[in-house]
Every structure is written in structure tokens, then in C-alpha cells.
Amino acid sequence: MAFRFEGLQIWNQALQLSVEVNDLAKTFPSFELHSLSSQIRRASDSVVLNIAEGSTGQSKLEFCRFLRYALRSGIEVVSCIFIAREKGYLSEDVFRQFYIKYEHLCKMITNFQKSLQ
């Protein structure tokens, strides 16, 4: 039995990015393990989880609420990559790659949310 979220492009994109962010966080200094590394991993996972959780809701309104949570978590990831860049953990190229990917994902989430309203 397939769950509704499995067929959603935004969920699949968020899942792929979550894996990439988790790999990225492993490159941060070990002293960041319980701070920035943990924060960026939790935020990226939260995007995926909120899309999935919202898709099983009782109404479009409820789904939109969870999509707003997912969007906020995506923006949190972007803020984390800004911090990582400022601390010297990311090159400008890696920063731009993740920035562009999350900018695209956030636009996808916003457009999907609009389609439900």
C-alpha cells in the first residue's frame, strides 16, 4: 500500500535534499555535532516529515498548515547554510548549490500549497 506522500514531487525532492544535507552536516567540525550539525539535520528532516504528515490529514486546510511548517523548516535550513558559510564550513560553491536547491524546493511547496487553496 502506497502512502499519498510517496507520489508527491515535493516530498521526493525534500527527501533527496534531506539525505544531501545529512551528508553535508557530517563534514562540519565535530564540536558542531550537537549544535549546527544537529540543527540543520533536524530542519531538513522536518521538511520531509511535515509534508508526509500533512498529506494524511483530514482536509486541504490541514495539509496547507503542515506545508507552512515544511516551508518554515526549509527556510531554517537556508539560515543554517548561511551560518555554516560564515563559519567557514562551506565553500561559496557548495553554499550556492544548497541555496538554489532549497530556494527551488520552497517555491515548489508554496506553489503546491496555492494549488490546494
C-alpha atoms as a PDB file:
ATOM      1  CA  MET A   1       0.000   0.000   0.000  1.00  0.00           C
ATOM      2  CA  ALA A   2       1.467   3.306  -1.045  1.00  0.00           C
ATOM      3  CA  PHE A   3       1.058   6.372   1.102  1.00  0.00           C
ATOM      4  CA  ARG A   4      -0.178   9.560  -0.551  1.00  0.00           C
ATOM      5  CA  PHE A   5       3.049  11.446   0.149  1.00  0.00           C
ATOM      6  CA  GLU A   6       5.143   8.952  -1.822  1.00  0.00           C
ATOM      7  CA  GLY A   7       3.656  10.271  -5.059  1.00  0.00           C
ATOM      8  CA  LEU A   8       4.287  13.917  -4.245  1.00  0.00           C
ATOM      9  CA  GLN A   9       7.143  15.555  -6.119  1.00  0.00           C
ATOM     10  CA  ILE A  10       7.746  17.952  -3.221  1.00  0.00           C
ATOM     11  CA  TRP A  11       8.139  15.055  -0.779  1.00  0.00           C
ATOM     12  CA  ASN A  12      10.562  13.198  -3.053  1.00  0.00           C
ATOM     13  CA  GLN A  13      12.607  16.360  -3.620  1.00  0.00           C
ATOM     14  CA  ALA A  14      12.655  17.115   0.117  1.00  0.00           C
ATOM     15  CA  LEU A  15      13.739  13.539   0.877  1.00  0.00           C
ATOM     16  CA  GLN A  16      16.655  13.744  -1.561  1.00  0.00           C
ATOM     17  CA  LEU A  17      17.749  17.093  -0.136  1.00  0.00           C
ATOM     18  CA  SER A  18      17.498  15.749   3.402  1.00  0.00           C
ATOM     19  CA  VAL A  19      19.950  12.983   2.516  1.00  0.00           C
ATOM     20  CA  GLU A  20      22.291  15.554   0.947  1.00  0.00           C
ATOM     21  CA  VAL A  21      22.069  17.849   3.981  1.00  0.00           C
ATOM     22  CA  ASN A  22      22.777  14.961   6.334  1.00  0.00           C
ATOM     23  CA  ASP A  23      25.893  14.134   4.312  1.00  0.00           C
ATOM     24  CA  LEU A  24      26.886  17.802   4.351  1.00  0.00           C
ATOM     25  CA  ALA A  25      26.470  18.052   8.131  1.00  0.00           C
ATOM     26  CA  LYS A  26      28.952  15.190   8.549  1.00  0.00           C
ATOM     27  CA  THR A  27      31.640  17.478   7.119  1.00  0.00           C
ATOM     28  CA  PHE A  28      31.172  20.121   9.840  1.00  0.00           C
ATOM     29  CA  PRO A  29      33.663  20.154  12.729  1.00  0.00           C
ATOM     30  CA  SER A  30      32.972  17.581  15.440  1.00  0.00           C
ATOM     31  CA  PHE A  31      32.302  20.284  18.040  1.00  0.00           C
ATOM     32  CA  GLU A  32      29.226  21.266  15.970  1.00  0.00           C
ATOM     33  CA  LEU A  33      27.736  17.771  16.350  1.00  0.00           C
ATOM     34  CA  HIS A  34      25.168  18.832  18.947  1.00  0.00           C
ATOM     35  CA  SER A  35      24.616  22.333  17.635  1.00  0.00           C
ATOM     36  CA  LEU A  36      24.704  23.403  13.972  1.00  0.00           C
ATOM     37  CA  SER A  37      25.066  19.865  12.577  1.00  0.00           C
ATOM     38  CA  SER A  38      22.115  18.665  14.608  1.00  0.00           C
ATOM     39  CA  GLN A  39      20.034  21.753  13.829  1.00  0.00           C
ATOM     40  CA  ILE A  40      20.466  21.552  10.048  1.00  0.00           C
ATOM     41  CA  ARG A  41      19.756  17.810  10.026  1.00  0.00           C
ATOM     42  CA  ARG A  42      16.590  18.213  12.097  1.00  0.00           C
ATOM     43  CA  ALA A  43      15.382  21.110   9.947  1.00  0.00           C
ATOM     44  CA  SER A  44      15.929  19.232   6.674  1.00  0.00           C
ATOM     45  CA  ASP A  45      14.237  16.121   8.068  1.00  0.00           C
ATOM     46  CA  SER A  46      11.355  18.280   9.298  1.00  0.00           C
ATOM     47  CA  VAL A  47      10.579  19.400   5.741  1.00  0.00           C
ATOM     48  CA  VAL A  48      10.114  15.776   4.676  1.00  0.00           C
ATOM     49  CA  LEU A  49       8.192  14.782   7.785  1.00  0.00           C
ATOM     50  CA  ASN A  50       5.760  17.700   7.697  1.00  0.00           C
ATOM     51  CA  ILE A  51       4.884  17.081   4.056  1.00  0.00           C
ATOM     52  CA  ALA A  52       4.214  13.418   4.841  1.00  0.00           C
ATOM     53  CA  GLU A  53       2.235  14.148   7.992  1.00  0.00           C
ATOM     54  CA  GLY A  54       0.123  16.808   6.316  1.00  0.00           C
ATOM     55  CA  SER A  55      -0.717  14.577   3.379  1.00  0.00           C
ATOM     56  CA  THR A  56      -2.579  12.180   5.649  1.00  0.00           C
ATOM     57  CA  GLY A  57      -4.772  14.901   7.134  1.00  0.00           C
ATOM     58  CA  GLN A  58      -8.500  15.182   7.003  1.00  0.00           C
ATOM     59  CA  SER A  59      -8.663  18.355   4.929  1.00  0.00           C
ATOM     60  CA  LYS A  60      -6.817  20.567   2.472  1.00  0.00           C
ATOM     61  CA  LEU A  61      -6.718  23.262   5.133  1.00  0.00           C
ATOM     62  CA  GLU A  62      -4.872  20.920   7.490  1.00  0.00           C
ATOM     63  CA  PHE A  63      -2.476  19.881   4.710  1.00  0.00           C
ATOM     64  CA  CYS A  64      -1.741  23.557   4.000  1.00  0.00           C
ATOM     65  CA  ARG A  65      -0.906  24.070   7.670  1.00  0.00           C
ATOM     66  CA  PHE A  66       1.713  21.314   7.528  1.00  0.00           C
ATOM     67  CA  LEU A  67       3.056  22.681   4.244  1.00  0.00           C
ATOM     68  CA  ARG A  68       3.617  26.005   6.025  1.00  0.00           C
ATOM     69  CA  TYR A  69       5.599  24.135   8.690  1.00  0.00           C
ATOM     70  CA  ALA A  70       7.617  22.421   5.945  1.00  0.00           C
ATOM     71  CA  LEU A  71       8.293  25.764   4.283  1.00  0.00           C
ATOM     72  CA  ARG A  72       9.495  27.268   7.558  1.00  0.00           C
ATOM     73  CA  SER A  73      11.812  24.319   8.101  1.00  0.00           C
ATOM     74  CA  GLY A  74      13.208  24.782   4.593  1.00  0.00           C
ATOM     75  CA  ILE A  75      13.934  28.409   5.396  1.00  0.00           C
ATOM     76  CA  GLU A  76      15.610  27.240   8.601  1.00  0.00           C
ATOM     77  CA  VAL A  77      17.922  25.030   6.522  1.00  0.00           C
ATOM     78  CA  VAL A  78      18.815  28.043   4.376  1.00  0.00           C
ATOM     79  CA  SER A  79      19.630  30.046   7.501  1.00  0.00           C
ATOM     80  CA  CYS A  80      21.827  27.188   8.706  1.00  0.00           C
ATOM     81  CA  ILE A  81      23.801  27.134   5.463  1.00  0.00           C
ATOM     82  CA  PHE A  82      24.361  30.878   5.812  1.00  0.00           C
ATOM     83  CA  ILE A  83      25.767  30.251   9.295  1.00  0.00           C
ATOM     84  CA  ALA A  84      27.908  27.371   8.031  1.00  0.00           C
ATOM     85  CA  ARG A  85      29.297  29.545   5.248  1.00  0.00           C
ATOM     86  CA  GLU A  86      30.074  32.389   7.655  1.00  0.00           C
ATOM     87  CA  LYS A  87      31.882  29.971   9.977  1.00  0.00           C
ATOM     88  CA  GLY A  88      33.962  28.733   7.055  1.00  0.00           C
ATOM     89  CA  TYR A  89      32.452  25.241   6.856  1.00  0.00           C
ATOM     90  CA  LEU A  90      31.122  25.680   3.305  1.00  0.00           C
ATOM     91  CA  SER A  91      32.731  26.961   0.154  1.00  0.00           C
ATOM     92  CA  GLU A  92      30.797  29.546  -1.812  1.00  0.00           C
ATOM     93  CA  ASP A  93      30.071  26.920  -4.485  1.00  0.00           C
ATOM     94  CA  VAL A  94      28.583  24.429  -2.020  1.00  0.00           C
ATOM     95  CA  PHE A  95      26.619  27.209  -0.335  1.00  0.00           C
ATOM     96  CA  ARG A  96      25.143  28.305  -3.701  1.00  0.00           C
ATOM     97  CA  GLN A  97      24.233  24.734  -4.656  1.00  0.00           C
ATOM     98  CA  PHE A  98      22.232  24.191  -1.472  1.00  0.00           C
ATOM     99  CA  TYR A  99      20.776  27.697  -1.542  1.00  0.00           C
ATOM    100  CA  ILE A 100      19.450  27.179  -5.078  1.00  0.00           C
ATOM    101  CA  LYS A 101      18.081  23.710  -4.265  1.00  0.00           C
ATOM    102  CA  TYR A 102      16.212  24.941  -1.199  1.00  0.00           C
ATOM    103  CA  GLU A 103      15.004  28.069  -2.960  1.00  0.00           C
ATOM    104  CA  HIS A 104      13.516  25.806  -5.636  1.00  0.00           C
ATOM    105  CA  LEU A 105      12.000  23.433  -3.067  1.00  0.00           C
ATOM    106  CA  CYS A 106      10.435  26.310  -1.118  1.00  0.00           C
ATOM    107  CA  LYS A 107       8.891  27.628  -4.333  1.00  0.00           C
ATOM    108  CA  MET A 108       7.555  24.152  -5.109  1.00  0.00           C
ATOM    109  CA  ILE A 109       5.999  23.898  -1.644  1.00  0.00           C
ATOM    110  CA  THR A 110       4.452  27.361  -1.966  1.00  0.00           C
ATOM    111  CA  ASN A 111       3.010  26.591  -5.403  1.00  0.00           C
ATOM    112  CA  PHE A 112       1.648  23.249  -4.232  1.00  0.00           C
ATOM    113  CA  GLN A 113       0.064  24.940  -1.232  1.00  0.00           C
ATOM    114  CA  LYS A 114      -1.586  27.507  -3.528  1.00  0.00           C
ATOM    115  CA  SER A 115      -2.973  24.702  -5.690  1.00  0.00           C
ATOM    116  CA  LEU A 116      -4.741  23.251  -2.644  1.00  0.00           C
ATOM    117  CA  GLN A 117      -6.454  26.502  -1.703  1.00  0.00           C
END
